[in-house]
N, C-alpha and C. Protein backbone atom coordinates (compact mmCIF):
# COMPACT_ATOMS: atom_id res chain seq x y z
N MET A 1 109.93 109.12 107.38
CA MET A 1 110.24 108.22 106.28
C MET A 1 109.14 108.26 105.22
N LEU A 2 109.55 107.92 104.01
CA LEU A 2 108.62 107.89 102.88
C LEU A 2 108.87 106.63 102.10
N ALA A 3 107.77 105.85 101.91
CA ALA A 3 107.81 104.68 101.11
C ALA A 3 107.26 104.88 99.70
N ALA A 4 107.80 104.18 98.78
CA ALA A 4 107.32 104.25 97.36
C ALA A 4 107.11 102.83 96.85
N ILE A 5 105.95 102.56 96.32
CA ILE A 5 105.65 101.25 95.76
C ILE A 5 104.90 101.45 94.44
N GLY A 6 105.24 100.57 93.48
CA GLY A 6 104.55 100.60 92.20
C GLY A 6 104.81 99.38 91.40
N GLY A 7 103.99 99.14 90.45
CA GLY A 7 104.15 97.93 89.61
C GLY A 7 104.07 98.23 88.16
N VAL A 8 104.69 97.36 87.37
CA VAL A 8 104.64 97.44 85.92
C VAL A 8 104.34 96.05 85.40
N SER A 9 103.77 96.00 84.22
CA SER A 9 103.56 94.77 83.45
C SER A 9 104.23 94.85 82.11
N LEU A 10 104.89 93.81 81.72
CA LEU A 10 105.62 93.84 80.47
C LEU A 10 104.62 93.96 79.27
N LYS A 11 105.00 94.74 78.27
CA LYS A 11 104.20 94.77 77.06
C LYS A 11 104.38 93.49 76.20
N ARG A 12 105.56 92.96 76.27
CA ARG A 12 105.86 91.68 75.55
C ARG A 12 106.77 90.87 76.48
N TRP A 13 106.62 89.57 76.55
CA TRP A 13 107.41 88.74 77.43
C TRP A 13 108.87 88.93 77.18
N TYR A 14 109.29 89.07 75.95
CA TYR A 14 110.71 89.14 75.58
C TYR A 14 111.37 90.49 75.98
N TYR A 15 110.60 91.44 76.55
CA TYR A 15 111.18 92.64 77.04
C TYR A 15 111.73 92.42 78.53
N GLY A 16 111.40 91.29 79.06
CA GLY A 16 111.76 91.00 80.44
C GLY A 16 113.23 91.19 80.78
N PRO A 17 114.12 90.53 80.02
CA PRO A 17 115.56 90.68 80.34
C PRO A 17 116.02 92.14 80.35
N GLU A 18 115.62 92.95 79.33
CA GLU A 18 116.09 94.31 79.28
C GLU A 18 115.54 95.15 80.44
N LEU A 19 114.26 94.96 80.74
CA LEU A 19 113.69 95.71 81.87
C LEU A 19 114.31 95.30 83.20
N LEU A 20 114.49 94.01 83.37
CA LEU A 20 115.05 93.52 84.60
C LEU A 20 116.52 93.93 84.80
N TRP A 21 117.27 94.05 83.65
CA TRP A 21 118.62 94.54 83.76
C TRP A 21 118.65 95.96 84.26
N HIS A 22 117.79 96.81 83.62
CA HIS A 22 117.71 98.25 84.07
C HIS A 22 117.24 98.37 85.49
N ALA A 23 116.26 97.55 85.85
CA ALA A 23 115.68 97.62 87.22
C ALA A 23 116.78 97.15 88.25
N ARG A 24 117.53 96.20 87.91
CA ARG A 24 118.59 95.76 88.80
C ARG A 24 119.62 96.86 89.02
N GLN A 25 120.01 97.57 87.97
CA GLN A 25 120.93 98.68 88.13
C GLN A 25 120.34 99.78 89.09
N ALA A 26 119.05 100.05 88.90
CA ALA A 26 118.41 101.07 89.76
C ALA A 26 118.32 100.53 91.20
N LEU A 27 118.07 99.27 91.35
CA LEU A 27 118.00 98.64 92.65
C LEU A 27 119.36 98.77 93.39
N LEU A 28 120.47 98.48 92.66
CA LEU A 28 121.80 98.56 93.25
C LEU A 28 122.08 100.05 93.59
N GLN A 29 121.62 100.99 92.73
CA GLN A 29 121.77 102.41 93.04
C GLN A 29 121.11 102.75 94.36
N ALA A 30 119.83 102.34 94.50
CA ALA A 30 119.09 102.60 95.67
C ALA A 30 119.75 102.00 96.92
N ARG A 31 120.13 100.75 96.84
CA ARG A 31 120.76 100.10 97.99
C ARG A 31 122.09 100.73 98.37
N GLY A 32 122.69 101.38 97.45
CA GLY A 32 123.97 102.06 97.74
C GLY A 32 123.83 103.46 98.30
N ASP A 33 122.59 103.95 98.29
CA ASP A 33 122.35 105.30 98.81
C ASP A 33 122.14 105.28 100.32
N PRO A 34 122.96 106.07 101.05
CA PRO A 34 122.80 105.99 102.54
C PRO A 34 121.45 106.48 103.04
N LEU A 35 120.67 107.20 102.22
CA LEU A 35 119.38 107.73 102.63
C LEU A 35 118.23 106.77 102.23
N CYS A 36 118.58 105.69 101.58
CA CYS A 36 117.61 104.66 101.25
C CYS A 36 117.67 103.62 102.40
N LEU A 37 116.56 103.46 103.09
CA LEU A 37 116.48 102.56 104.24
C LEU A 37 116.18 101.15 103.84
N GLN A 38 115.52 100.96 102.68
CA GLN A 38 115.15 99.64 102.20
C GLN A 38 114.84 99.76 100.69
N ALA A 39 115.26 98.76 99.91
CA ALA A 39 114.90 98.73 98.52
C ALA A 39 114.77 97.28 98.06
N ASP A 40 113.72 96.98 97.36
CA ASP A 40 113.42 95.63 96.94
C ASP A 40 112.62 95.65 95.62
N VAL A 41 112.79 94.58 94.89
CA VAL A 41 111.91 94.35 93.71
C VAL A 41 111.36 92.95 93.84
N PHE A 42 110.07 92.74 93.38
CA PHE A 42 109.47 91.41 93.55
C PHE A 42 108.30 91.37 92.59
N THR A 43 107.78 90.16 92.38
CA THR A 43 106.64 89.95 91.56
C THR A 43 105.41 89.66 92.46
N HIS A 44 104.25 90.07 91.97
CA HIS A 44 103.03 89.84 92.71
C HIS A 44 101.86 89.87 91.70
N ARG A 45 101.15 88.78 91.58
CA ARG A 45 100.00 88.68 90.70
C ARG A 45 100.31 89.14 89.28
N GLY A 46 101.45 88.73 88.74
CA GLY A 46 101.77 89.05 87.35
C GLY A 46 102.41 90.40 87.12
N LEU A 47 102.58 91.20 88.17
CA LEU A 47 103.22 92.51 88.06
C LEU A 47 104.61 92.46 88.68
N TYR A 48 105.49 93.30 88.14
CA TYR A 48 106.82 93.49 88.75
C TYR A 48 106.73 94.72 89.59
N PHE A 49 106.99 94.58 90.87
CA PHE A 49 106.90 95.70 91.85
C PHE A 49 108.26 96.18 92.31
N SER A 50 108.36 97.45 92.61
CA SER A 50 109.49 97.95 93.33
C SER A 50 108.94 98.59 94.65
N LEU A 51 109.73 98.42 95.71
CA LEU A 51 109.37 99.02 96.99
C LEU A 51 110.62 99.59 97.59
N SER A 52 110.58 100.86 97.88
CA SER A 52 111.74 101.50 98.54
C SER A 52 111.24 102.42 99.66
N VAL A 53 112.12 102.58 100.64
CA VAL A 53 111.80 103.43 101.79
C VAL A 53 112.96 104.41 101.95
N TRP A 54 112.61 105.65 102.07
CA TRP A 54 113.63 106.75 102.03
C TRP A 54 113.54 107.54 103.31
N HIS A 55 114.64 108.17 103.66
CA HIS A 55 114.76 109.00 104.83
C HIS A 55 113.75 110.13 104.75
N ASP A 56 113.65 110.74 103.55
CA ASP A 56 112.72 111.84 103.33
C ASP A 56 112.45 112.00 101.84
N ALA A 57 111.49 112.91 101.51
CA ALA A 57 111.10 113.09 100.11
C ALA A 57 112.24 113.65 99.27
N GLU A 58 113.03 114.46 99.81
CA GLU A 58 114.21 114.99 99.03
C GLU A 58 115.16 113.92 98.63
N ALA A 59 115.47 112.98 99.51
CA ALA A 59 116.33 111.86 99.16
C ALA A 59 115.75 111.00 98.07
N MET A 60 114.41 110.71 98.16
CA MET A 60 113.73 109.94 97.14
C MET A 60 113.76 110.62 95.78
N LEU A 61 113.50 111.94 95.74
CA LEU A 61 113.46 112.68 94.52
C LEU A 61 114.83 112.80 93.89
N THR A 62 115.87 112.97 94.67
CA THR A 62 117.24 113.01 94.18
C THR A 62 117.59 111.72 93.47
N PHE A 63 117.22 110.58 94.16
CA PHE A 63 117.47 109.29 93.56
C PHE A 63 116.64 109.14 92.24
N ALA A 64 115.39 109.50 92.29
CA ALA A 64 114.47 109.26 91.15
C ALA A 64 114.96 109.97 89.88
N HIS A 65 115.65 111.06 90.01
CA HIS A 65 116.06 111.83 88.85
C HIS A 65 117.51 111.66 88.50
N SER A 66 118.17 110.62 88.97
CA SER A 66 119.57 110.47 88.72
C SER A 66 119.97 109.05 88.32
N GLY A 67 121.11 108.91 87.62
CA GLY A 67 121.74 107.66 87.32
C GLY A 67 120.82 106.56 86.74
N PRO A 68 121.06 105.33 87.21
CA PRO A 68 120.35 104.21 86.68
C PRO A 68 118.82 104.29 86.81
N HIS A 69 118.35 104.91 87.86
CA HIS A 69 116.87 105.07 88.04
C HIS A 69 116.31 105.95 86.90
N ARG A 70 116.99 107.03 86.60
CA ARG A 70 116.54 107.87 85.52
C ARG A 70 116.49 107.11 84.22
N ARG A 71 117.50 106.26 83.99
CA ARG A 71 117.55 105.48 82.76
C ARG A 71 116.43 104.44 82.72
N VAL A 72 116.11 103.77 83.81
CA VAL A 72 115.04 102.79 83.80
C VAL A 72 113.72 103.47 83.51
N ILE A 73 113.54 104.69 84.04
CA ILE A 73 112.31 105.42 83.72
C ILE A 73 112.17 105.73 82.25
N GLN A 74 113.32 106.06 81.63
CA GLN A 74 113.33 106.38 80.19
C GLN A 74 112.93 105.20 79.32
N VAL A 75 113.30 103.98 79.69
CA VAL A 75 112.97 102.81 78.88
C VAL A 75 111.66 102.13 79.25
N THR A 76 111.14 102.43 80.42
CA THR A 76 109.99 101.71 80.92
C THR A 76 108.74 101.89 79.96
N SER A 77 108.52 103.08 79.49
CA SER A 77 107.34 103.31 78.64
C SER A 77 107.36 102.50 77.36
N ARG A 78 108.59 102.13 76.90
CA ARG A 78 108.73 101.33 75.72
C ARG A 78 108.54 99.84 76.03
N LEU A 79 108.92 99.43 77.23
CA LEU A 79 108.94 98.01 77.59
C LEU A 79 107.74 97.50 78.37
N ALA A 80 107.14 98.44 79.14
CA ALA A 80 106.08 97.97 80.07
C ALA A 80 104.96 99.00 80.17
N ASP A 81 103.87 98.51 80.72
CA ASP A 81 102.74 99.39 81.11
C ASP A 81 102.90 99.67 82.60
N VAL A 82 102.86 100.90 82.97
CA VAL A 82 103.03 101.32 84.37
C VAL A 82 101.66 101.24 85.02
N ASN A 83 101.62 100.55 86.17
CA ASN A 83 100.40 100.32 86.92
C ASN A 83 100.46 101.13 88.23
N GLN A 84 100.49 102.39 88.10
CA GLN A 84 100.41 103.33 89.23
C GLN A 84 101.47 103.11 90.31
N PHE A 85 102.17 104.16 90.62
CA PHE A 85 103.07 104.21 91.74
C PHE A 85 102.46 105.04 92.85
N HIS A 86 102.78 104.70 94.05
CA HIS A 86 102.20 105.42 95.21
C HIS A 86 103.24 105.62 96.25
N HIS A 87 103.24 106.86 96.80
CA HIS A 87 104.21 107.20 97.86
C HIS A 87 103.36 107.45 99.11
N PHE A 88 103.89 106.99 100.26
CA PHE A 88 103.14 107.19 101.51
C PHE A 88 104.12 107.34 102.68
N PRO A 89 103.76 108.17 103.66
CA PRO A 89 104.63 108.32 104.84
C PRO A 89 104.52 107.07 105.72
N CYS A 90 105.60 106.76 106.39
CA CYS A 90 105.57 105.62 107.30
C CYS A 90 106.49 105.88 108.53
N ILE A 91 106.20 105.23 109.62
CA ILE A 91 107.03 105.42 110.79
C ILE A 91 107.97 104.21 111.00
N ALA A 92 107.74 103.18 110.25
CA ALA A 92 108.63 102.00 110.22
C ALA A 92 108.66 101.50 108.79
N ILE A 93 109.66 100.67 108.53
CA ILE A 93 109.76 100.09 107.18
C ILE A 93 108.61 99.09 106.98
N PRO A 94 107.76 99.27 106.01
CA PRO A 94 106.62 98.36 105.80
C PRO A 94 107.08 97.05 105.17
N SER A 95 106.40 95.99 105.46
CA SER A 95 106.68 94.72 104.80
C SER A 95 106.10 94.80 103.38
N ARG A 96 106.45 93.84 102.55
CA ARG A 96 105.85 93.80 101.21
C ARG A 96 104.32 93.75 101.29
N GLU A 97 103.79 92.93 102.21
CA GLU A 97 102.35 92.73 102.34
C GLU A 97 101.71 94.02 102.73
N GLN A 98 102.29 94.76 103.72
CA GLN A 98 101.72 96.01 104.18
C GLN A 98 101.72 97.07 103.03
N ALA A 99 102.86 97.12 102.30
CA ALA A 99 102.93 98.07 101.21
C ALA A 99 101.97 97.75 100.10
N LEU A 100 101.79 96.48 99.82
CA LEU A 100 100.86 96.05 98.76
C LEU A 100 99.43 96.39 99.18
N LYS A 101 99.09 96.28 100.45
CA LYS A 101 97.77 96.66 100.89
C LYS A 101 97.51 98.16 100.70
N VAL A 102 98.49 98.97 101.06
CA VAL A 102 98.37 100.42 100.87
C VAL A 102 98.24 100.75 99.39
N TRP A 103 99.08 100.08 98.59
CA TRP A 103 99.08 100.30 97.14
C TRP A 103 97.69 99.93 96.57
N ALA A 104 97.19 98.77 96.98
CA ALA A 104 95.88 98.31 96.42
C ALA A 104 94.74 99.25 96.87
N GLN A 105 94.76 99.72 98.09
CA GLN A 105 93.72 100.62 98.58
C GLN A 105 93.76 101.94 97.79
N HIS A 106 94.98 102.42 97.57
CA HIS A 106 95.11 103.69 96.80
C HIS A 106 94.70 103.48 95.36
N PHE A 107 95.09 102.33 94.77
CA PHE A 107 94.80 102.03 93.41
C PHE A 107 93.28 101.94 93.17
N GLU A 108 92.60 101.22 94.10
CA GLU A 108 91.18 101.05 94.02
C GLU A 108 90.42 102.35 94.24
N ALA A 109 90.95 103.21 95.12
CA ALA A 109 90.34 104.51 95.34
C ALA A 109 90.42 105.42 94.15
N ALA A 110 91.51 105.24 93.34
CA ALA A 110 91.72 106.11 92.16
C ALA A 110 90.83 105.70 91.02
N GLU A 111 90.32 104.45 91.04
CA GLU A 111 89.51 103.98 89.89
C GLU A 111 88.12 104.45 89.94
């Protein structure tokens, strides 16, 4: 399995509805994919996070480059600042807290 977690912060508060609409479409796309084992969006410390767990890297990449997810990527740079995404292998579906710890450790190591 492969997990992906990352966060964004809005450039302007009024971009929220547009970004959240696109993110919801991508979330529904992920949840409808049989190779997506878990998909969630949530806020943490002022950032909007997405967390997904995939059967394998190929499934995740196929999703990432298609449909609503491709469209949310296209608008994100206009609406938000991306705060690093991180992918990591896992043997079980991580909780939000576990994934945030991995993300924070990776983010801090990159700085």
